[in-house]
Structures are given as structure tokens and as C-alpha cells.
C-alpha atoms as a PDB file:
ATOM      1  CA  UNK A   1      -0.184  -0.225  -0.030  1.00  0.00           C
ATOM      2  CA  UNK A   2       1.474   3.232  -0.952  1.00  0.00           C
ATOM      3  CA  UNK A   3       1.731   6.631   0.969  1.00  0.00           C
ATOM      4  CA  UNK A   4      -0.011   9.258  -1.511  1.00  0.00           C
ATOM      5  CA  UNK A   5      -0.600  13.122  -0.584  1.00  0.00           C
ATOM      6  CA  UNK A   6      -3.565  15.749  -2.081  1.00  0.00           C
ATOM      7  CA  UNK A   7      -2.758  18.580  -4.036  1.00  0.00           C
ATOM      8  CA  UNK A   8      -3.130  22.419  -2.578  1.00  0.00           C
ATOM      9  CA  UNK A   9      -6.582  23.752  -3.044  1.00  0.00           C
ATOM     10  CA  UNK A  10      -7.330  25.721  -5.883  1.00  0.00           C
ATOM     11  CA  UNK A  11      -9.150  28.549  -4.804  1.00  0.00           C
ATOM     12  CA  UNK A  12      -9.374  32.590  -3.836  1.00  0.00           C
ATOM     13  CA  UNK A  13     -10.019  34.276  -1.246  1.00  0.00           C
ATOM     14  CA  UNK A  14     -13.519  34.958  -1.737  1.00  0.00           C
ATOM     15  CA  UNK A  15     -14.842  31.855  -2.431  1.00  0.00           C
ATOM     16  CA  UNK A  16     -18.243  31.099  -1.796  1.00  0.00           C
ATOM     17  CA  UNK A  17     -18.427  27.311  -2.262  1.00  0.00           C
ATOM     18  CA  UNK A  18     -15.995  24.636  -1.843  1.00  0.00           C
ATOM     19  CA  UNK A  19     -16.303  21.057  -4.034  1.00  0.00           C
ATOM     20  CA  UNK A  20     -14.770  18.376  -1.649  1.00  0.00           C
ATOM     21  CA  UNK A  21     -13.621  15.142  -2.837  1.00  0.00           C
ATOM     22  CA  UNK A  22     -11.302  12.452  -0.847  1.00  0.00           C
ATOM     23  CA  UNK A  23      -8.608  11.902  -2.187  1.00  0.00           C
ATOM     24  CA  UNK A  24      -6.767  11.999  -5.921  1.00  0.00           C
ATOM     25  CA  UNK A  25      -6.784   9.120  -7.995  1.00  0.00           C
ATOM     26  CA  UNK A  26      -3.637   7.577  -9.557  1.00  0.00           C
ATOM     27  CA  UNK A  27      -4.165   9.229 -13.168  1.00  0.00           C
ATOM     28  CA  UNK A  28      -4.786  12.401 -11.228  1.00  0.00           C
ATOM     29  CA  UNK A  29      -1.842  12.390  -8.985  1.00  0.00           C
ATOM     30  CA  UNK A  30       0.677  11.241 -12.129  1.00  0.00           C
ATOM     31  CA  UNK A  31      -0.928  14.060 -14.080  1.00  0.00           C
ATOM     32  CA  UNK A  32      -0.804  16.534 -10.896  1.00  0.00           C
ATOM     33  CA  UNK A  33      -3.838  17.933 -11.377  1.00  0.00           C
ATOM     34  CA  UNK A  34      -7.410  17.217 -10.045  1.00  0.00           C
ATOM     35  CA  UNK A  35      -9.577  15.132 -11.858  1.00  0.00           C
ATOM     36  CA  UNK A  36      -7.440  14.226 -14.416  1.00  0.00           C
ATOM     37  CA  UNK A  37      -9.162  10.199 -15.100  1.00  0.00           C
ATOM     38  CA  UNK A  38     -10.165  10.473 -18.922  1.00  0.00           C
ATOM     39  CA  UNK A  39     -13.665   8.784 -17.564  1.00  0.00           C
ATOM     40  CA  UNK A  40     -14.202  11.260 -14.686  1.00  0.00           C
ATOM     41  CA  UNK A  41     -17.051  13.144 -14.932  1.00  0.00           C
ATOM     42  CA  UNK A  42     -16.164  16.146 -13.201  1.00  0.00           C
ATOM     43  CA  UNK A  43     -14.698  18.368 -15.732  1.00  0.00           C
ATOM     44  CA  UNK A  44     -17.383  17.993 -18.250  1.00  0.00           C
ATOM     45  CA  UNK A  45     -20.320  18.422 -15.174  1.00  0.00           C
ATOM     46  CA  UNK A  46     -18.536  21.166 -14.500  1.00  0.00           C
ATOM     47  CA  UNK A  47     -18.032  22.741 -17.947  1.00  0.00           C
ATOM     48  CA  UNK A  48     -21.633  22.379 -18.530  1.00  0.00           C
ATOM     49  CA  UNK A  49     -22.664  23.919 -15.401  1.00  0.00           C
ATOM     50  CA  UNK A  50     -20.416  27.100 -16.192  1.00  0.00           C
ATOM     51  CA  UNK A  51     -20.410  27.255 -19.277  1.00  0.00           C
ATOM     52  CA  UNK A  52     -16.913  26.256 -20.292  1.00  0.00           C
ATOM     53  CA  UNK A  53     -15.281  23.884 -22.226  1.00  0.00           C
ATOM     54  CA  UNK A  54     -14.337  20.797 -20.380  1.00  0.00           C
ATOM     55  CA  UNK A  55     -11.905  20.118 -22.913  1.00  0.00           C
ATOM     56  CA  UNK A  56      -9.565  23.464 -22.397  1.00  0.00           C
ATOM     57  CA  UNK A  57      -6.102  23.614 -20.696  1.00  0.00           C
ATOM     58  CA  UNK A  58      -6.022  22.679 -17.319  1.00  0.00           C
ATOM     59  CA  UNK A  59      -5.221  25.955 -16.488  1.00  0.00           C
ATOM     60  CA  UNK A  60      -8.541  28.038 -18.191  1.00  0.00           C
ATOM     61  CA  UNK A  61     -10.310  24.920 -16.451  1.00  0.00           C
ATOM     62  CA  UNK A  62      -9.117  25.804 -13.288  1.00  0.00           C
ATOM     63  CA  UNK A  63     -10.002  29.506 -14.000  1.00  0.00           C
ATOM     64  CA  UNK A  64     -12.756  29.000 -14.549  1.00  0.00           C
ATOM     65  CA  UNK A  65     -13.805  27.483 -11.231  1.00  0.00           C
ATOM     66  CA  UNK A  66     -11.957  30.230  -9.663  1.00  0.00           C
ATOM     67  CA  UNK A  67     -14.283  32.857 -12.116  1.00  0.00           C
ATOM     68  CA  UNK A  68     -17.437  31.372 -10.287  1.00  0.00           C
ATOM     69  CA  UNK A  69     -16.109  31.560  -6.595  1.00  0.00           C
ATOM     70  CA  UNK A  70     -15.726  28.030  -6.460  1.00  0.00           C
ATOM     71  CA  UNK A  71     -12.922  26.534  -4.311  1.00  0.00           C
ATOM     72  CA  UNK A  72     -11.541  22.921  -4.957  1.00  0.00           C
ATOM     73  CA  UNK A  73     -10.064  20.382  -2.604  1.00  0.00           C
ATOM     74  CA  UNK A  74     -10.021  17.002  -0.794  1.00  0.00           C
ATOM     75  CA  UNK A  75     -10.832  16.101   2.683  1.00  0.00           C
ATOM     76  CA  UNK A  76      -7.569  14.361   2.756  1.00  0.00           C
ATOM     77  CA  UNK A  77      -4.061  15.385   2.769  1.00  0.00           C
ATOM     78  CA  UNK A  78      -2.717  12.216   2.574  1.00  0.00           C
ATOM     79  CA  UNK A  79      -3.423   8.435   3.483  1.00  0.00           C
ATOM     80  CA  UNK A  80      -2.259   4.788   2.538  1.00  0.00           C
ATOM     81  CA  UNK A  81      -4.104   3.393  -0.655  1.00  0.00           C
ATOM     82  CA  UNK A  82      -3.994   1.135  -3.059  1.00  0.00           C
ATOM     83  CA  UNK A  83      -5.225   1.481  -6.597  1.00  0.00           C
ATOM     84  CA  UNK A  84      -7.612   4.514  -6.661  1.00  0.00           C
ATOM     85  CA  UNK A  85     -10.520   3.498  -5.364  1.00  0.00           C
ATOM     86  CA  UNK A  86     -11.577   5.174  -2.102  1.00  0.00           C
ATOM     87  CA  UNK A  87     -12.983   1.682  -0.550  1.00  0.00           C
ATOM     88  CA  UNK A  88      -8.709   1.064  -1.002  1.00  0.00           C
ATOM     89  CA  UNK A  89      -8.369   3.781   1.788  1.00  0.00           C
ATOM     90  CA  UNK A  90      -6.764   2.587   4.842  1.00  0.00           C
ATOM     91  CA  UNK A  91      -8.792   3.759   7.493  1.00  0.00           C
ATOM     92  CA  UNK A  92      -6.006   4.172   9.794  1.00  0.00           C
ATOM     93  CA  UNK A  93      -3.754   6.420   7.497  1.00  0.00           C
ATOM     94  CA  UNK A  94      -6.041   9.142   7.222  1.00  0.00           C
ATOM     95  CA  UNK A  95      -4.862  12.744   7.887  1.00  0.00           C
ATOM     96  CA  UNK A  96      -7.074  15.827   6.799  1.00  0.00           C
ATOM     97  CA  UNK A  97      -5.779  18.889   5.618  1.00  0.00           C
ATOM     98  CA  UNK A  98      -6.361  21.421   7.839  1.00  0.00           C
ATOM     99  CA  UNK A  99      -9.786  23.063   7.620  1.00  0.00           C
ATOM    100  CA  UNK A 100      -9.687  25.045  10.526  1.00  0.00           C
ATOM    101  CA  UNK A 101      -6.947  27.524   8.517  1.00  0.00           C
ATOM    102  CA  UNK A 102      -9.297  27.025   5.348  1.00  0.00           C
ATOM    103  CA  UNK A 103     -12.137  28.423   6.782  1.00  0.00           C
ATOM    104  CA  UNK A 104     -10.557  31.627   8.555  1.00  0.00           C
ATOM    105  CA  UNK A 105      -8.779  32.447   5.288  1.00  0.00           C
ATOM    106  CA  UNK A 106     -12.248  31.685   3.253  1.00  0.00           C
ATOM    107  CA  UNK A 107     -14.838  33.183   5.647  1.00  0.00           C
ATOM    108  CA  UNK A 108     -17.474  33.484   2.549  1.00  0.00           C
ATOM    109  CA  UNK A 109     -17.642  30.127   2.171  1.00  0.00           C
ATOM    110  CA  UNK A 110     -20.990  29.213   2.265  1.00  0.00           C
ATOM    111  CA  UNK A 111     -21.789  25.988   0.638  1.00  0.00           C
ATOM    112  CA  UNK A 112     -20.122  22.610   0.608  1.00  0.00           C
ATOM    113  CA  UNK A 113     -20.834  19.963  -1.628  1.00  0.00           C
ATOM    114  CA  UNK A 114     -19.107  16.422  -1.228  1.00  0.00           C
ATOM    115  CA  UNK A 115     -18.184  14.749  -5.063  1.00  0.00           C
ATOM    116  CA  UNK A 116     -18.922  11.158  -3.579  1.00  0.00           C
ATOM    117  CA  UNK A 117     -19.813   9.509   0.107  1.00  0.00           C
ATOM    118  CA  UNK A 118     -16.073   8.916   0.742  1.00  0.00           C
ATOM    119  CA  UNK A 119     -15.432  12.777   0.756  1.00  0.00           C
ATOM    120  CA  UNK A 120     -18.688  13.362   3.104  1.00  0.00           C
ATOM    121  CA  UNK A 121     -17.810  10.745   5.488  1.00  0.00           C
ATOM    122  CA  UNK A 122     -14.275  11.588   5.956  1.00  0.00           C
ATOM    123  CA  UNK A 123     -15.632  14.967   6.672  1.00  0.00           C
ATOM    124  CA  UNK A 124     -18.234  14.011   8.625  1.00  0.00           C
ATOM    125  CA  UNK A 125     -15.976  11.903  11.130  1.00  0.00           C
ATOM    126  CA  UNK A 126     -12.407  13.334  11.124  1.00  0.00           C
ATOM    127  CA  UNK A 127     -12.979  17.016  10.377  1.00  0.00           C
ATOM    128  CA  UNK A 128     -16.452  18.651  11.276  1.00  0.00           C
ATOM    129  CA  UNK A 129     -16.339  17.597  14.557  1.00  0.00           C
ATOM    130  CA  UNK A 130     -12.797  19.640  15.953  1.00  0.00           C
ATOM    131  CA  UNK A 131     -14.338  22.661  13.585  1.00  0.00           C
ATOM    132  CA  UNK A 132     -18.174  23.021  14.220  1.00  0.00           C
ATOM    133  CA  UNK A 133     -18.936  24.453  10.653  1.00  0.00           C
ATOM    134  CA  UNK A 134     -23.139  24.546  11.381  1.00  0.00           C
ATOM    135  CA  UNK A 135     -23.401  27.576   9.352  1.00  0.00           C
ATOM    136  CA  UNK A 136     -22.307  26.042   6.201  1.00  0.00           C
ATOM    137  CA  UNK A 137     -24.826  24.211   4.418  1.00  0.00           C
ATOM    138  CA  UNK A 138     -23.253  20.581   3.432  1.00  0.00           C
ATOM    139  CA  UNK A 139     -24.706  18.509   0.167  1.00  0.00           C
ATOM    140  CA  UNK A 140     -23.314  15.400  -0.797  1.00  0.00           C
ATOM    141  CA  UNK A 141     -23.496  14.485  -4.733  1.00  0.00           C
ATOM    142  CA  UNK A 142     -23.159  11.801  -6.637  1.00  0.00           C
ATOM    143  CA  UNK A 143     -19.411  10.872  -7.298  1.00  0.00           C
ATOM    144  CA  UNK A 144     -18.065  11.721 -11.187  1.00  0.00           C
ATOM    145  CA  UNK A 145     -15.654   9.119 -10.782  1.00  0.00           C
ATOM    146  CA  UNK A 146     -15.839   6.451 -13.357  1.00  0.00           C
ATOM    147  CA  UNK A 147     -15.874   3.711 -10.706  1.00  0.00           C
ATOM    148  CA  UNK A 148     -19.831   5.208 -10.135  1.00  0.00           C
ATOM    149  CA  UNK A 149     -20.826   4.161 -13.571  1.00  0.00           C
ATOM    150  CA  UNK A 150     -23.810   2.842 -12.283  1.00  0.00           C
ATOM    151  CA  UNK A 151     -25.453   6.568 -12.353  1.00  0.00           C
ATOM    152  CA  UNK A 152     -25.696   7.621 -15.835  1.00  0.00           C
ATOM    153  CA  UNK A 153     -24.366  10.924 -16.580  1.00  0.00           C
ATOM    154  CA  UNK A 154     -27.605  12.863 -16.853  1.00  0.00           C
ATOM    155  CA  UNK A 155     -28.938  12.103 -13.429  1.00  0.00           C
ATOM    156  CA  UNK A 156     -24.983  13.136 -12.065  1.00  0.00           C
ATOM    157  CA  UNK A 157     -25.420  16.366 -14.059  1.00  0.00           C
ATOM    158  CA  UNK A 158     -28.658  17.214 -12.856  1.00  0.00           C
ATOM    159  CA  UNK A 159     -27.686  16.710  -9.109  1.00  0.00           C
ATOM    160  CA  UNK A 160     -24.577  18.831  -9.733  1.00  0.00           C
ATOM    161  CA  UNK A 161     -26.814  21.408 -10.304  1.00  0.00           C
ATOM    162  CA  UNK A 162     -26.901  22.612  -6.624  1.00  0.00           C
ATOM    163  CA  UNK A 163     -23.597  23.548  -6.941  1.00  0.00           C
ATOM    164  CA  UNK A 164     -24.822  26.619  -9.558  1.00  0.00           C
ATOM    165  CA  UNK A 165     -27.807  27.056  -8.130  1.00  0.00           C
ATOM    166  CA  UNK A 166     -27.614  30.347  -6.478  1.00  0.00           C
ATOM    167  CA  UNK A 167     -24.574  31.689  -7.993  1.00  0.00           C
END
């Protein structure tokens, strides 16, 4: 089992929305950027929601998120995992990111969206008890991962519309 580390957040100081994954998969770790697996639907969905090209260079996709005041990060700073599946994360190795510091720097965040069940579970179990952000609305969305292929794209897109519903 390999020890892996997540990326720095995509952020701007006036972000109002935070999207949280659990931990980057192997394709993302190799590429050095979020949601790099070609079958992950994240950038396609965000492209639809933000009227942006999901095939644009990574920097342009990141800029589209920032322009919409959306921050992107992972719940976990590091863990041990074999492969890319959330189910393969060693529960005893979880180290969450520093959300207390993050929220101090981003006081305008009012909503958190979890990209799948593992992100929500890790946040609620390993982060929330220590920071108590009751005023932030939280919603789990269907994972954009190719491992969640049983949920059709159209259903994922419809659920993810909540991200931009009040922008």
C-alpha cells in the first residue's frame, strides 16, 4: 500500500462554494492535477454548469472555477491506498487537511458539496467534530468517478446543478 498526498486547494479568497473530493486517484496524481482520469465526469459537468470548455487546458478550467468563486480541494491531506478506489483507503492512515485554517482564510464559504460518499464520510468523521462549521450548508453529490458508472451522466449532471443554483 502506497502513502499518497493530495494537492493544494484551487481557491481564491472570496470563494463562496467548496467542492470536496476524498483523495486524488492515480491518474490525477500522475498528472499533478484534479480529476485527470479521462472517464471522470467532473470537468465535463463543471463545463456544462459554468459554460466552459471541459477540454480546455487545465489552467483555463481552474480559472473558470475561480471566476465562479468555487474552491476545490480534498478532505484528506494524505493516506495509504492501493490503487485509486476510495474503498481501498486504509482507514488508519487518514490525515485530513487543515480546514480550520482554510475556513479562516475563506470566511465567505457558505456551501460545501461532496464529490461522493467517501468525501462526505471523511469530512463528517475527521474534520467536522474539530471545527464545528454548522453554518455551512453541506450536500453530498453523486461521485463523478468512473467507479460510479451505475449512475448515468444525466442524473449526475442534474444533481450537480445544485452547485450553481445560487451563484
